[in-house]
Amino acid sequence: MVTEYDPDKRKLLSAVSHGSIFLSGLFVSVGIPIAVLFVSDDPVVKENAREALNFHLNAWLYGVIFGFLTLLLIGWPLLGLLFLASWIMPVFAILHALNNPNSSYRYPFIFRIL
């Protein structure tokens, strides 16, 4: 049995999962992809929500590591690069989700925990 998923709903939920990082720095940004992961039964939406969660967790982990490296004065440029990446990469993910709703976006250079 082949199930057809609504492409507009797929685009919306995938874009919301990736764009949630812009809403808050902590709980809301992770809570939205978790909610989408549990609510949706669409495999592409679930994969996008997992990838967004992985990106959020990686950004936090790198932020903590680079924050400690600021004590050695080498963390400041790394924090700047992390800030830029945390704004640019989700925009690419949202554009990919809106233009290619049948495939999930894979963030480069992250550890996939989930």
PDB file of N, CA and C in Angstrom:
ATOM      1  N   MET A   1       0.826  -1.167   0.000  1.00  0.00           N
ATOM      2  CA  MET A   1       0.000   0.000   0.000  1.00  0.00           C
ATOM      3  C   MET A   1       0.881   1.245   0.000  1.00  0.00           C
ATOM      4  N   VAL A   2       0.714   2.095  -0.983  1.00  0.00           N
ATOM      5  CA  VAL A   2       1.490   3.317  -1.119  1.00  0.00           C
ATOM      6  C   VAL A   2       0.682   4.466  -0.528  1.00  0.00           C
ATOM      7  N   THR A   3       1.289   5.168   0.399  1.00  0.00           N
ATOM      8  CA  THR A   3       0.618   6.297   1.034  1.00  0.00           C
ATOM      9  C   THR A   3       1.137   7.586   0.417  1.00  0.00           C
ATOM     10  N   GLU A   4       0.244   8.433  -0.012  1.00  0.00           N
ATOM     11  CA  GLU A   4       0.594   9.733  -0.581  1.00  0.00           C
ATOM     12  C   GLU A   4       0.484  10.785   0.517  1.00  0.00           C
ATOM     13  N   TYR A   5       1.542  11.564   0.688  1.00  0.00           N
ATOM     14  CA  TYR A   5       1.565  12.591   1.718  1.00  0.00           C
ATOM     15  C   TYR A   5       1.313  13.956   1.092  1.00  0.00           C
ATOM     16  N   ASP A   6       0.702  14.831   1.849  1.00  0.00           N
ATOM     17  CA  ASP A   6       0.387  16.180   1.385  1.00  0.00           C
ATOM     18  C   ASP A   6       1.688  16.982   1.233  1.00  0.00           C
ATOM     19  N   PRO A   7       2.006  17.441   0.013  1.00  0.00           N
ATOM     20  CA  PRO A   7       3.277  18.159  -0.177  1.00  0.00           C
ATOM     21  C   PRO A   7       3.320  19.508   0.531  1.00  0.00           C
ATOM     22  N   ASP A   8       2.185  20.186   0.663  1.00  0.00           N
ATOM     23  CA  ASP A   8       2.181  21.473   1.362  1.00  0.00           C
ATOM     24  C   ASP A   8       2.440  21.287   2.860  1.00  0.00           C
ATOM     25  N   LYS A   9       1.830  20.263   3.436  1.00  0.00           N
ATOM     26  CA  LYS A   9       2.064  19.963   4.852  1.00  0.00           C
ATOM     27  C   LYS A   9       3.515  19.532   5.064  1.00  0.00           C
ATOM     28  N   ARG A  10       4.041  18.765   4.119  1.00  0.00           N
ATOM     29  CA  ARG A  10       5.429  18.316   4.189  1.00  0.00           C
ATOM     30  C   ARG A  10       6.380  19.507   4.152  1.00  0.00           C
ATOM     31  N   LYS A  11       6.123  20.446   3.248  1.00  0.00           N
ATOM     32  CA  LYS A  11       6.962  21.641   3.147  1.00  0.00           C
ATOM     33  C   LYS A  11       6.900  22.463   4.429  1.00  0.00           C
ATOM     34  N   LEU A  12       5.693  22.666   4.941  1.00  0.00           N
ATOM     35  CA  LEU A  12       5.512  23.491   6.128  1.00  0.00           C
ATOM     36  C   LEU A  12       6.204  22.889   7.347  1.00  0.00           C
ATOM     37  N   LEU A  13       5.952  21.622   7.617  1.00  0.00           N
ATOM     38  CA  LEU A  13       6.531  21.000   8.807  1.00  0.00           C
ATOM     39  C   LEU A  13       8.050  20.886   8.708  1.00  0.00           C
ATOM     40  N   SER A  14       8.560  20.616   7.523  1.00  0.00           N
ATOM     41  CA  SER A  14      10.015  20.544   7.350  1.00  0.00           C
ATOM     42  C   SER A  14      10.645  21.918   7.536  1.00  0.00           C
ATOM     43  N   ALA A  15      10.041  22.947   6.964  1.00  0.00           N
ATOM     44  CA  ALA A  15      10.577  24.303   7.096  1.00  0.00           C
ATOM     45  C   ALA A  15      10.497  24.787   8.545  1.00  0.00           C
ATOM     46  N   VAL A  16       9.414  24.459   9.237  1.00  0.00           N
ATOM     47  CA  VAL A  16       9.279  24.858  10.649  1.00  0.00           C
ATOM     48  C   VAL A  16      10.329  24.156  11.504  1.00  0.00           C
ATOM     49  N   SER A  17      10.603  22.900  11.212  1.00  0.00           N
ATOM     50  CA  SER A  17      11.624  22.167  11.969  1.00  0.00           C
ATOM     51  C   SER A  17      12.987  22.826  11.825  1.00  0.00           C
ATOM     52  N   HIS A  18      13.352  23.160  10.595  1.00  0.00           N
ATOM     53  CA  HIS A  18      14.661  23.773  10.369  1.00  0.00           C
ATOM     54  C   HIS A  18      14.695  25.220  10.856  1.00  0.00           C
ATOM     55  N   GLY A  19      13.588  25.934  10.737  1.00  0.00           N
ATOM     56  CA  GLY A  19      13.557  27.340  11.118  1.00  0.00           C
ATOM     57  C   GLY A  19      13.372  27.585  12.593  1.00  0.00           C
ATOM     58  N   SER A  20      13.142  26.541  13.359  1.00  0.00           N
ATOM     59  CA  SER A  20      12.899  26.728  14.789  1.00  0.00           C
ATOM     60  C   SER A  20      14.112  27.270  15.524  1.00  0.00           C
ATOM     61  N   ILE A  21      15.281  27.145  14.954  1.00  0.00           N
ATOM     62  CA  ILE A  21      16.490  27.663  15.608  1.00  0.00           C
ATOM     63  C   ILE A  21      16.457  29.184  15.701  1.00  0.00           C
ATOM     64  N   PHE A  22      15.653  29.828  14.860  1.00  0.00           N
ATOM     65  CA  PHE A  22      15.561  31.282  14.885  1.00  0.00           C
ATOM     66  C   PHE A  22      14.616  31.783  15.975  1.00  0.00           C
ATOM     67  N   LEU A  23      13.823  30.910  16.573  1.00  0.00           N
ATOM     68  CA  LEU A  23      12.831  31.332  17.556  1.00  0.00           C
ATOM     69  C   LEU A  23      13.400  31.503  18.950  1.00  0.00           C
ATOM     70  N   SER A  24      14.307  30.656  19.336  1.00  0.00           N
ATOM     71  CA  SER A  24      14.827  30.696  20.689  1.00  0.00           C
ATOM     72  C   SER A  24      16.169  29.988  20.705  1.00  0.00           C
ATOM     73  N   GLY A  25      16.928  30.254  21.713  1.00  0.00           N
ATOM     74  CA  GLY A  25      18.221  29.614  21.821  1.00  0.00           C
ATOM     75  C   GLY A  25      18.216  28.311  22.584  1.00  0.00           C
ATOM     76  N   LEU A  26      17.110  27.985  23.244  1.00  0.00           N
ATOM     77  CA  LEU A  26      17.179  26.817  24.111  1.00  0.00           C
ATOM     78  C   LEU A  26      16.014  25.858  23.893  1.00  0.00           C
ATOM     79  N   PHE A  27      14.978  25.956  24.681  1.00  0.00           N
ATOM     80  CA  PHE A  27      13.967  24.914  24.720  1.00  0.00           C
ATOM     81  C   PHE A  27      12.997  24.935  23.545  1.00  0.00           C
ATOM     82  N   VAL A  28      12.594  26.102  23.104  1.00  0.00           N
ATOM     83  CA  VAL A  28      11.622  26.175  22.006  1.00  0.00           C
ATOM     84  C   VAL A  28      12.239  25.662  20.717  1.00  0.00           C
ATOM     85  N   SER A  29      13.510  25.995  20.495  1.00  0.00           N
ATOM     86  CA  SER A  29      14.149  25.583  19.252  1.00  0.00           C
ATOM     87  C   SER A  29      14.298  24.070  19.150  1.00  0.00           C
ATOM     88  N   VAL A  30      14.393  23.384  20.259  1.00  0.00           N
ATOM     89  CA  VAL A  30      14.474  21.923  20.249  1.00  0.00           C
ATOM     90  C   VAL A  30      13.085  21.301  20.384  1.00  0.00           C
ATOM     91  N   GLY A  31      12.198  21.977  21.085  1.00  0.00           N
ATOM     92  CA  GLY A  31      10.858  21.440  21.308  1.00  0.00           C
ATOM     93  C   GLY A  31      10.036  21.328  20.040  1.00  0.00           C
ATOM     94  N   ILE A  32      10.202  22.265  19.129  1.00  0.00           N
ATOM     95  CA  ILE A  32       9.418  22.228  17.890  1.00  0.00           C
ATOM     96  C   ILE A  32       9.792  21.019  17.035  1.00  0.00           C
ATOM     97  N   PRO A  33      11.081  20.753  16.743  1.00  0.00           N
ATOM     98  CA  PRO A  33      11.374  19.542  15.974  1.00  0.00           C
ATOM     99  C   PRO A  33      10.987  18.252  16.682  1.00  0.00           C
ATOM    100  N   ILE A  34      11.075  18.243  18.013  1.00  0.00           N
ATOM    101  CA  ILE A  34      10.650  17.045  18.752  1.00  0.00           C
ATOM    102  C   ILE A  34       9.147  16.838  18.578  1.00  0.00           C
ATOM    103  N   ALA A  35       8.377  17.913  18.682  1.00  0.00           N
ATOM    104  CA  ALA A  35       6.929  17.809  18.495  1.00  0.00           C
ATOM    105  C   ALA A  35       6.592  17.356  17.076  1.00  0.00           C
ATOM    106  N   VAL A  36       7.280  17.906  16.088  1.00  0.00           N
ATOM    107  CA  VAL A  36       7.043  17.501  14.694  1.00  0.00           C
ATOM    108  C   VAL A  36       7.413  16.041  14.509  1.00  0.00           C
ATOM    109  N   LEU A  37       8.492  15.610  15.143  1.00  0.00           N
ATOM    110  CA  LEU A  37       8.928  14.221  15.047  1.00  0.00           C
ATOM    111  C   LEU A  37       7.870  13.256  15.572  1.00  0.00           C
ATOM    112  N   PHE A  38       7.206  13.620  16.659  1.00  0.00           N
ATOM    113  CA  PHE A  38       6.201  12.738  17.247  1.00  0.00           C
ATOM    114  C   PHE A  38       4.825  12.871  16.611  1.00  0.00           C
ATOM    115  N   VAL A  39       4.505  14.027  16.048  1.00  0.00           N
ATOM    116  CA  VAL A  39       3.172  14.261  15.496  1.00  0.00           C
ATOM    117  C   VAL A  39       3.036  13.728  14.073  1.00  0.00           C
ATOM    118  N   SER A  40       4.060  13.900  13.275  1.00  0.00           N
ATOM    119  CA  SER A  40       3.974  13.548  11.858  1.00  0.00           C
ATOM    120  C   SER A  40       4.263  12.066  11.630  1.00  0.00           C
ATOM    121  N   ASP A  41       3.609  11.517  10.626  1.00  0.00           N
ATOM    122  CA  ASP A  41       3.899  10.145  10.229  1.00  0.00           C
ATOM    123  C   ASP A  41       4.605  10.102   8.876  1.00  0.00           C
ATOM    124  N   ASP A  42       4.909  11.267   8.296  1.00  0.00           N
ATOM    125  CA  ASP A  42       5.596  11.386   7.021  1.00  0.00           C
ATOM    126  C   ASP A  42       7.088  11.112   7.231  1.00  0.00           C
ATOM    127  N   PRO A  43       7.678  10.152   6.504  1.00  0.00           N
ATOM    128  CA  PRO A  43       9.087   9.828   6.725  1.00  0.00           C
ATOM    129  C   PRO A  43      10.048  10.966   6.367  1.00  0.00           C
ATOM    130  N   VAL A  44       9.725  11.770   5.369  1.00  0.00           N
ATOM    131  CA  VAL A  44      10.596  12.887   4.990  1.00  0.00           C
ATOM    132  C   VAL A  44      10.561  13.963   6.071  1.00  0.00           C
ATOM    133  N   VAL A  45       9.388  14.238   6.605  1.00  0.00           N
ATOM    134  CA  VAL A  45       9.260  15.231   7.675  1.00  0.00           C
ATOM    135  C   VAL A  45       9.998  14.755   8.912  1.00  0.00           C
ATOM    136  N   LYS A  46       9.877  13.478   9.247  1.00  0.00           N
ATOM    137  CA  LYS A  46      10.587  12.931  10.403  1.00  0.00           C
ATOM    138  C   LYS A  46      12.101  13.038  10.223  1.00  0.00           C
ATOM    139  N   GLU A  47      12.593  12.763   9.025  1.00  0.00           N
ATOM    140  CA  GLU A  47      14.023  12.860   8.767  1.00  0.00           C
ATOM    141  C   GLU A  47      14.498  14.313   8.863  1.00  0.00           C
ATOM    142  N   ASN A  48      13.704  15.241   8.349  1.00  0.00           N
ATOM    143  CA  ASN A  48      14.052  16.657   8.474  1.00  0.00           C
ATOM    144  C   ASN A  48      14.046  17.104   9.931  1.00  0.00           C
ATOM    145  N   ALA A  49      13.093  16.632  10.722  1.00  0.00           N
ATOM    146  CA  ALA A  49      13.045  16.987  12.149  1.00  0.00           C
ATOM    147  C   ALA A  49      14.256  16.409  12.883  1.00  0.00           C
ATOM    148  N   ARG A  50      14.643  15.173  12.566  1.00  0.00           N
ATOM    149  CA  ARG A  50      15.835  14.581  13.180  1.00  0.00           C
ATOM    150  C   ARG A  50      17.091  15.371  12.809  1.00  0.00           C
ATOM    151  N   GLU A  51      17.180  15.750  11.548  1.00  0.00           N
ATOM    152  CA  GLU A  51      18.349  16.495  11.096  1.00  0.00           C
ATOM    153  C   GLU A  51      18.408  17.875  11.758  1.00  0.00           C
ATOM    154  N   ALA A  52      17.256  18.522  11.927  1.00  0.00           N
ATOM    155  CA  ALA A  52      17.218  19.811  12.621  1.00  0.00           C
ATOM    156  C   ALA A  52      17.639  19.652  14.080  1.00  0.00           C
ATOM    157  N   LEU A  53      17.174  18.600  14.735  1.00  0.00           N
ATOM    158  CA  LEU A  53      17.587  18.339  16.119  1.00  0.00           C
ATOM    159  C   LEU A  53      19.090  18.102  16.216  1.00  0.00           C
ATOM    160  N   ASN A  54      19.618  17.320  15.294  1.00  0.00           N
ATOM    161  CA  ASN A  54      21.060  17.081  15.285  1.00  0.00           C
ATOM    162  C   ASN A  54      21.837  18.380  15.098  1.00  0.00           C
ATOM    163  N   PHE A  55      21.351  19.252  14.216  1.00  0.00           N
ATOM    164  CA  PHE A  55      22.031  20.527  14.004  1.00  0.00           C
ATOM    165  C   PHE A  55      21.983  21.383  15.270  1.00  0.00           C
ATOM    166  N   HIS A  56      20.834  21.425  15.928  1.00  0.00           N
ATOM    167  CA  HIS A  56      20.697  22.203  17.170  1.00  0.00           C
ATOM    168  C   HIS A  56      21.672  21.686  18.228  1.00  0.00           C
ATOM    169  N   LEU A  57      21.700  20.375  18.417  1.00  0.00           N
ATOM    170  CA  LEU A  57      22.586  19.789  19.424  1.00  0.00           C
ATOM    171  C   LEU A  57      24.049  20.044  19.091  1.00  0.00           C
ATOM    172  N   ASN A  58      24.408  19.944  17.817  1.00  0.00           N
ATOM    173  CA  ASN A  58      25.781  20.224  17.409  1.00  0.00           C
ATOM    174  C   ASN A  58      26.139  21.684  17.638  1.00  0.00           C
ATOM    175  N   ALA A  59      25.223  22.591  17.322  1.00  0.00           N
ATOM    176  CA  ALA A  59      25.488  24.021  17.518  1.00  0.00           C
ATOM    177  C   ALA A  59      25.707  24.315  19.002  1.00  0.00           C
ATOM    178  N   TRP A  60      24.917  23.696  19.864  1.00  0.00           N
ATOM    179  CA  TRP A  60      25.107  23.893  21.312  1.00  0.00           C
ATOM    180  C   TRP A  60      26.450  23.330  21.765  1.00  0.00           C
ATOM    181  N   LEU A  61      26.768  22.128  21.303  1.00  0.00           N
ATOM    182  CA  LEU A  61      28.028  21.499  21.693  1.00  0.00           C
ATOM    183  C   LEU A  61      29.217  22.327  21.233  1.00  0.00           C
ATOM    184  N   TYR A  62      29.203  22.757  19.977  1.00  0.00           N
ATOM    185  CA  TYR A  62      30.290  23.588  19.478  1.00  0.00           C
ATOM    186  C   TYR A  62      30.340  24.923  20.224  1.00  0.00           C
ATOM    187  N   GLY A  63      29.201  25.475  20.579  1.00  0.00           N
ATOM    188  CA  GLY A  63      29.168  26.723  21.336  1.00  0.00           C
ATOM    189  C   GLY A  63      29.834  26.587  22.691  1.00  0.00           C
ATOM    190  N   VAL A  64      29.582  25.480  23.366  1.00  0.00           N
ATOM    191  CA  VAL A  64      30.216  25.242  24.673  1.00  0.00           C
ATOM    192  C   VAL A  64      31.726  25.073  24.508  1.00  0.00           C
ATOM    193  N   ILE A  65      32.127  24.283  23.515  1.00  0.00           N
ATOM    194  CA  ILE A  65      33.564  24.058  23.295  1.00  0.00           C
ATOM    195  C   ILE A  65      34.259  25.358  22.920  1.00  0.00           C
ATOM    196  N   PHE A  66      33.674  26.104  21.978  1.00  0.00           N
ATOM    197  CA  PHE A  66      34.294  27.359  21.551  1.00  0.00           C
ATOM    198  C   PHE A  66      34.246  28.399  22.666  1.00  0.00           C
ATOM    199  N   GLY A  67      33.238  28.334  23.520  1.00  0.00           N
ATOM    200  CA  GLY A  67      33.172  29.236  24.667  1.00  0.00           C
ATOM    201  C   GLY A  67      34.332  29.000  25.624  1.00  0.00           C
ATOM    202  N   PHE A  68      34.670  27.729  25.856  1.00  0.00           N
ATOM    203  CA  PHE A  68      35.828  27.434  26.696  1.00  0.00           C
ATOM    204  C   PHE A  68      37.126  27.873  26.014  1.00  0.00           C
ATOM    205  N   LEU A  69      37.175  27.762  24.704  1.00  0.00           N
ATOM    206  CA  LEU A  69      38.382  28.165  23.980  1.00  0.00           C
ATOM    207  C   LEU A  69      38.586  29.673  23.951  1.00  0.00           C
ATOM    208  N   THR A  70      37.539  30.439  24.295  1.00  0.00           N
ATOM    209  CA  THR A  70      37.727  31.896  24.367  1.00  0.00           C
ATOM    210  C   THR A  70      38.680  32.265  25.501  1.00  0.00           C
ATOM    211  N   LEU A  71      38.805  31.390  26.483  1.00  0.00           N
ATOM    212  CA  LEU A  71      39.767  31.644  27.552  1.00  0.00           C
ATOM    213  C   LEU A  71      41.190  31.645  27.011  1.00  0.00           C
ATOM    214  N   LEU A  72      41.411  30.913  25.928  1.00  0.00           N
ATOM    215  CA  LEU A  72      42.724  30.881  25.288  1.00  0.00           C
ATOM    216  C   LEU A  72      42.815  31.869  24.131  1.00  0.00           C
ATOM    217  N   LEU A  73      41.763  32.652  23.945  1.00  0.00           N
ATOM    218  CA  LEU A  73      41.651  33.675  22.913  1.00  0.00           C
ATOM    219  C   LEU A  73      41.555  33.122  21.493  1.00  0.00           C
ATOM    220  N   ILE A  74      41.466  31.811  21.326  1.00  0.00           N
ATOM    221  CA  ILE A  74      41.290  31.274  19.977  1.00  0.00           C
ATOM    222  C   ILE A  74      39.828  30.944  19.698  1.00  0.00           C
ATOM    223  N   GLY A  75      38.985  31.070  20.697  1.00  0.00           N
ATOM    224  CA  GLY A  75      37.578  30.736  20.526  1.00  0.00           C
ATOM    225  C   GLY A  75      36.755  31.843  19.897  1.00  0.00           C
ATOM    226  N   TRP A  76      37.230  33.090  19.954  1.00  0.00           N
ATOM    227  CA  TRP A  76      36.434  34.199  19.419  1.00  0.00           C
ATOM    228  C   TRP A  76      36.156  34.065  17.928  1.00  0.00           C
ATOM    229  N   PRO A  77      37.160  33.803  17.090  1.00  0.00           N
ATOM    230  CA  PRO A  77      36.831  33.642  15.665  1.00  0.00           C
ATOM    231  C   PRO A  77      35.959  32.407  15.411  1.00  0.00           C
ATOM    232  N   LEU A  78      36.168  31.371  16.204  1.00  0.00           N
ATOM    233  CA  LEU A  78      35.352  30.164  16.041  1.00  0.00           C
ATOM    234  C   LEU A  78      33.906  30.424  16.421  1.00  0.00           C
ATOM    235  N   LEU A  79      33.687  31.207  17.479  1.00  0.00           N
ATOM    236  CA  LEU A  79      32.323  31.576  17.853  1.00  0.00           C
ATOM    237  C   LEU A  79      31.660  32.413  16.759  1.00  0.00           C
ATOM    238  N   GLY A  80      32.441  33.282  16.125  1.00  0.00           N
ATOM    239  CA  GLY A  80      31.915  34.066  15.011  1.00  0.00           C
ATOM    240  C   GLY A  80      31.502  33.188  13.842  1.00  0.00           C
ATOM    241  N   LEU A  81      32.328  32.205  13.520  1.00  0.00           N
ATOM    242  CA  LEU A  81      31.980  31.266  12.448  1.00  0.00           C
ATOM    243  C   LEU A  81      30.762  30.430  12.809  1.00  0.00           C
ATOM    244  N   LEU A  82      30.667  30.025  14.062  1.00  0.00           N
ATOM    245  CA  LEU A  82      29.503  29.259  14.513  1.00  0.00           C
ATOM    246  C   LEU A  82      28.233  30.101  14.419  1.00  0.00           C
ATOM    247  N   PHE A  83      28.321  31.362  14.794  1.00  0.00           N
ATOM    248  CA  PHE A  83      27.169  32.254  14.697  1.00  0.00           C
ATOM    249  C   PHE A  83      26.709  32.384  13.247  1.00  0.00           C
ATOM    250  N   LEU A  84      27.656  32.580  12.339  1.00  0.00           N
ATOM    251  CA  LEU A  84      27.299  32.675  10.918  1.00  0.00           C
ATOM    252  C   LEU A  84      26.696  31.368  10.402  1.00  0.00           C
ATOM    253  N   ALA A  85      27.299  30.256  10.769  1.00  0.00           N
ATOM    254  CA  ALA A  85      26.797  28.964  10.305  1.00  0.00           C
ATOM    255  C   ALA A  85      25.410  28.667  10.862  1.00  0.00           C
ATOM    256  N   SER A  86      25.150  29.098  12.097  1.00  0.00           N
ATOM    257  CA  SER A  86      23.839  28.826  12.694  1.00  0.00           C
ATOM    258  C   SER A  86      22.745  29.689  12.084  1.00  0.00           C
ATOM    259  N   TRP A  87      23.106  30.705  11.316  1.00  0.00           N
ATOM    260  CA  TRP A  87      22.114  31.490  10.577  1.00  0.00           C
ATOM    261  C   TRP A  87      22.027  31.060   9.116  1.00  0.00           C
ATOM    262  N   ILE A  88      23.154  30.723   8.518  1.00  0.00           N
ATOM    263  CA  ILE A  88      23.169  30.415   7.088  1.00  0.00           C
ATOM    264  C   ILE A  88      22.666  29.004   6.801  1.00  0.00           C
ATOM    265  N   MET A  89      23.125  28.028   7.551  1.00  0.00           N
ATOM    266  CA  MET A  89      22.765  26.634   7.263  1.00  0.00           C
ATOM    267  C   MET A  89      21.260  26.358   7.392  1.00  0.00           C
ATOM    268  N   PRO A  90      20.557  26.868   8.413  1.00  0.00           N
ATOM    269  CA  PRO A  90      19.111  26.640   8.440  1.00  0.00           C
ATOM    270  C   PRO A  90      18.372  27.311   7.283  1.00  0.00           C
ATOM    271  N   VAL A  91      18.881  28.440   6.805  1.00  0.00           N
ATOM    272  CA  VAL A  91      18.251  29.075   5.647  1.00  0.00           C
ATOM    273  C   VAL A  91      18.376  28.172   4.429  1.00  0.00           C
ATOM    274  N   PHE A  92      19.559  27.577   4.227  1.00  0.00           N
ATOM    275  CA  PHE A  92      19.723  26.616   3.134  1.00  0.00           C
ATOM    276  C   PHE A  92      18.776  25.428   3.304  1.00  0.00           C
ATOM    277  N   ALA A  93      18.627  24.958   4.543  1.00  0.00           N
ATOM    278  CA  ALA A  93      17.746  23.821   4.810  1.00  0.00           C
ATOM    279  C   ALA A  93      16.285  24.167   4.518  1.00  0.00           C
ATOM    280  N   ILE A  94      15.868  25.371   4.899  1.00  0.00           N
ATOM    281  CA  ILE A  94      14.486  25.792   4.632  1.00  0.00           C
ATOM    282  C   ILE A  94      14.250  25.898   3.137  1.00  0.00           C
ATOM    283  N   LEU A  95      15.193  26.496   2.420  1.00  0.00           N
ATOM    284  CA  LEU A  95      15.046  26.609   0.962  1.00  0.00           C
ATOM    285  C   LEU A  95      15.015  25.241   0.298  1.00  0.00           C
ATOM    286  N   HIS A  96      15.827  24.324   0.781  1.00  0.00           N
ATOM    287  CA  HIS A  96      15.808  22.964   0.235  1.00  0.00           C
ATOM    288  C   HIS A  96      14.478  22.279   0.512  1.00  0.00           C
ATOM    289  N   ALA A  97      13.963  22.463   1.729  1.00  0.00           N
ATOM    290  CA  ALA A  97      12.682  21.831   2.086  1.00  0.00           C
ATOM    291  C   ALA A  97      11.538  22.395   1.252  1.00  0.00           C
ATOM    292  N   LEU A  98      11.592  23.667   0.918  1.00  0.00           N
ATOM    293  CA  LEU A  98      10.524  24.278   0.120  1.00  0.00           C
ATOM    294  C   LEU A  98      10.650  23.948  -1.365  1.00  0.00           C
ATOM    295  N   ASN A  99      11.882  23.811  -1.855  1.00  0.00           N
ATOM    296  CA  ASN A  99      12.084  23.536  -3.276  1.00  0.00           C
ATOM    297  C   ASN A  99      12.071  22.056  -3.620  1.00  0.00           C
ATOM    298  N   ASN A 100      12.494  21.204  -2.697  1.00  0.00           N
ATOM    299  CA  ASN A 100      12.545  19.757  -2.912  1.00  0.00           C
ATOM    300  C   ASN A 100      11.818  19.047  -1.776  1.00  0.00           C
ATOM    301  N   PRO A 101      10.493  19.064  -1.779  1.00  0.00           N
ATOM    302  CA  PRO A 101       9.774  18.507  -0.621  1.00  0.00           C
ATOM    303  C   PRO A 101       9.863  16.982  -0.501  1.00  0.00           C
ATOM    304  N   ASN A 102      10.346  16.302  -1.524  1.00  0.00           N
ATOM    305  CA  ASN A 102      10.390  14.842  -1.472  1.00  0.00           C
ATOM    306  C   ASN A 102      11.714  14.291  -0.962  1.00  0.00           C
ATOM    307  N   SER A 103      12.648  15.171  -0.610  1.00  0.00           N
ATOM    308  CA  SER A 103      13.912  14.700  -0.058  1.00  0.00           C
ATOM    309  C   SER A 103      14.245  15.520   1.187  1.00  0.00           C
ATOM    310  N   SER A 104      14.960  14.896   2.088  1.00  0.00           N
ATOM    311  CA  SER A 104      15.326  15.590   3.316  1.00  0.00           C
ATOM    312  C   SER A 104      16.678  16.262   3.143  1.00  0.00           C
ATOM    313  N   TYR A 105      16.898  17.316   3.915  1.00  0.00           N
ATOM    314  CA  TYR A 105      18.155  18.052   3.858  1.00  0.00           C
ATOM    315  C   TYR A 105      19.134  17.455   4.852  1.00  0.00           C
ATOM    316  N   ARG A 106      20.372  17.310   4.440  1.00  0.00           N
ATOM    317  CA  ARG A 106      21.423  16.793   5.314  1.00  0.00           C
ATOM    318  C   ARG A 106      22.440  17.909   5.556  1.00  0.00           C
ATOM    319  N   TYR A 107      22.576  18.315   6.820  1.00  0.00           N
ATOM    320  CA  TYR A 107      23.551  19.333   7.169  1.00  0.00           C
ATOM    321  C   TYR A 107      24.957  18.750   7.028  1.00  0.00           C
ATOM    322  N   PRO A 108      25.872  19.507   6.414  1.00  0.00           N
ATOM    323  CA  PRO A 108      27.251  19.009   6.340  1.00  0.00           C
ATOM    324  C   PRO A 108      27.992  19.262   7.638  1.00  0.00           C
ATOM    325  N   PHE A 109      28.985  18.454   7.912  1.00  0.00           N
ATOM    326  CA  PHE A 109      29.928  18.638   9.019  1.00  0.00           C
ATOM    327  C   PHE A 109      29.291  18.571  10.393  1.00  0.00           C
ATOM    328  N   ILE A 110      28.259  17.758  10.586  1.00  0.00           N
ATOM    329  CA  ILE A 110      27.690  17.595  11.921  1.00  0.00           C
ATOM    330  C   ILE A 110      27.738  16.119  12.310  1.00  0.00           C
ATOM    331  N   PHE A 111      27.709  15.890  13.610  1.00  0.00           N
ATOM    332  CA  PHE A 111      27.595  14.530  14.127  1.00  0.00           C
ATOM    333  C   PHE A 111      26.122  14.205  14.237  1.00  0.00           C
ATOM    334  N   ARG A 112      25.720  13.070  13.711  1.00  0.00           N
ATOM    335  CA  ARG A 112      24.315  12.672  13.747  1.00  0.00           C
ATOM    336  C   ARG A 112      24.106  11.781  14.972  1.00  0.00           C
ATOM    337  N   ILE A 113      23.467  12.348  15.964  1.00  0.00           N
ATOM    338  CA  ILE A 113      23.239  11.658  17.231  1.00  0.00           C
ATOM    339  C   ILE A 113      21.928  10.886  17.186  1.00  0.00           C
ATOM    340  N   LEU A 114      20.912  11.483  16.593  1.00  0.00           N
ATOM    341  CA  LEU A 114      19.592  10.860  16.525  1.00  0.00           C
ATOM    342  C   LEU A 114      19.381  10.168  15.192  1.00  0.00           C
TER     343      LEU A 114
END
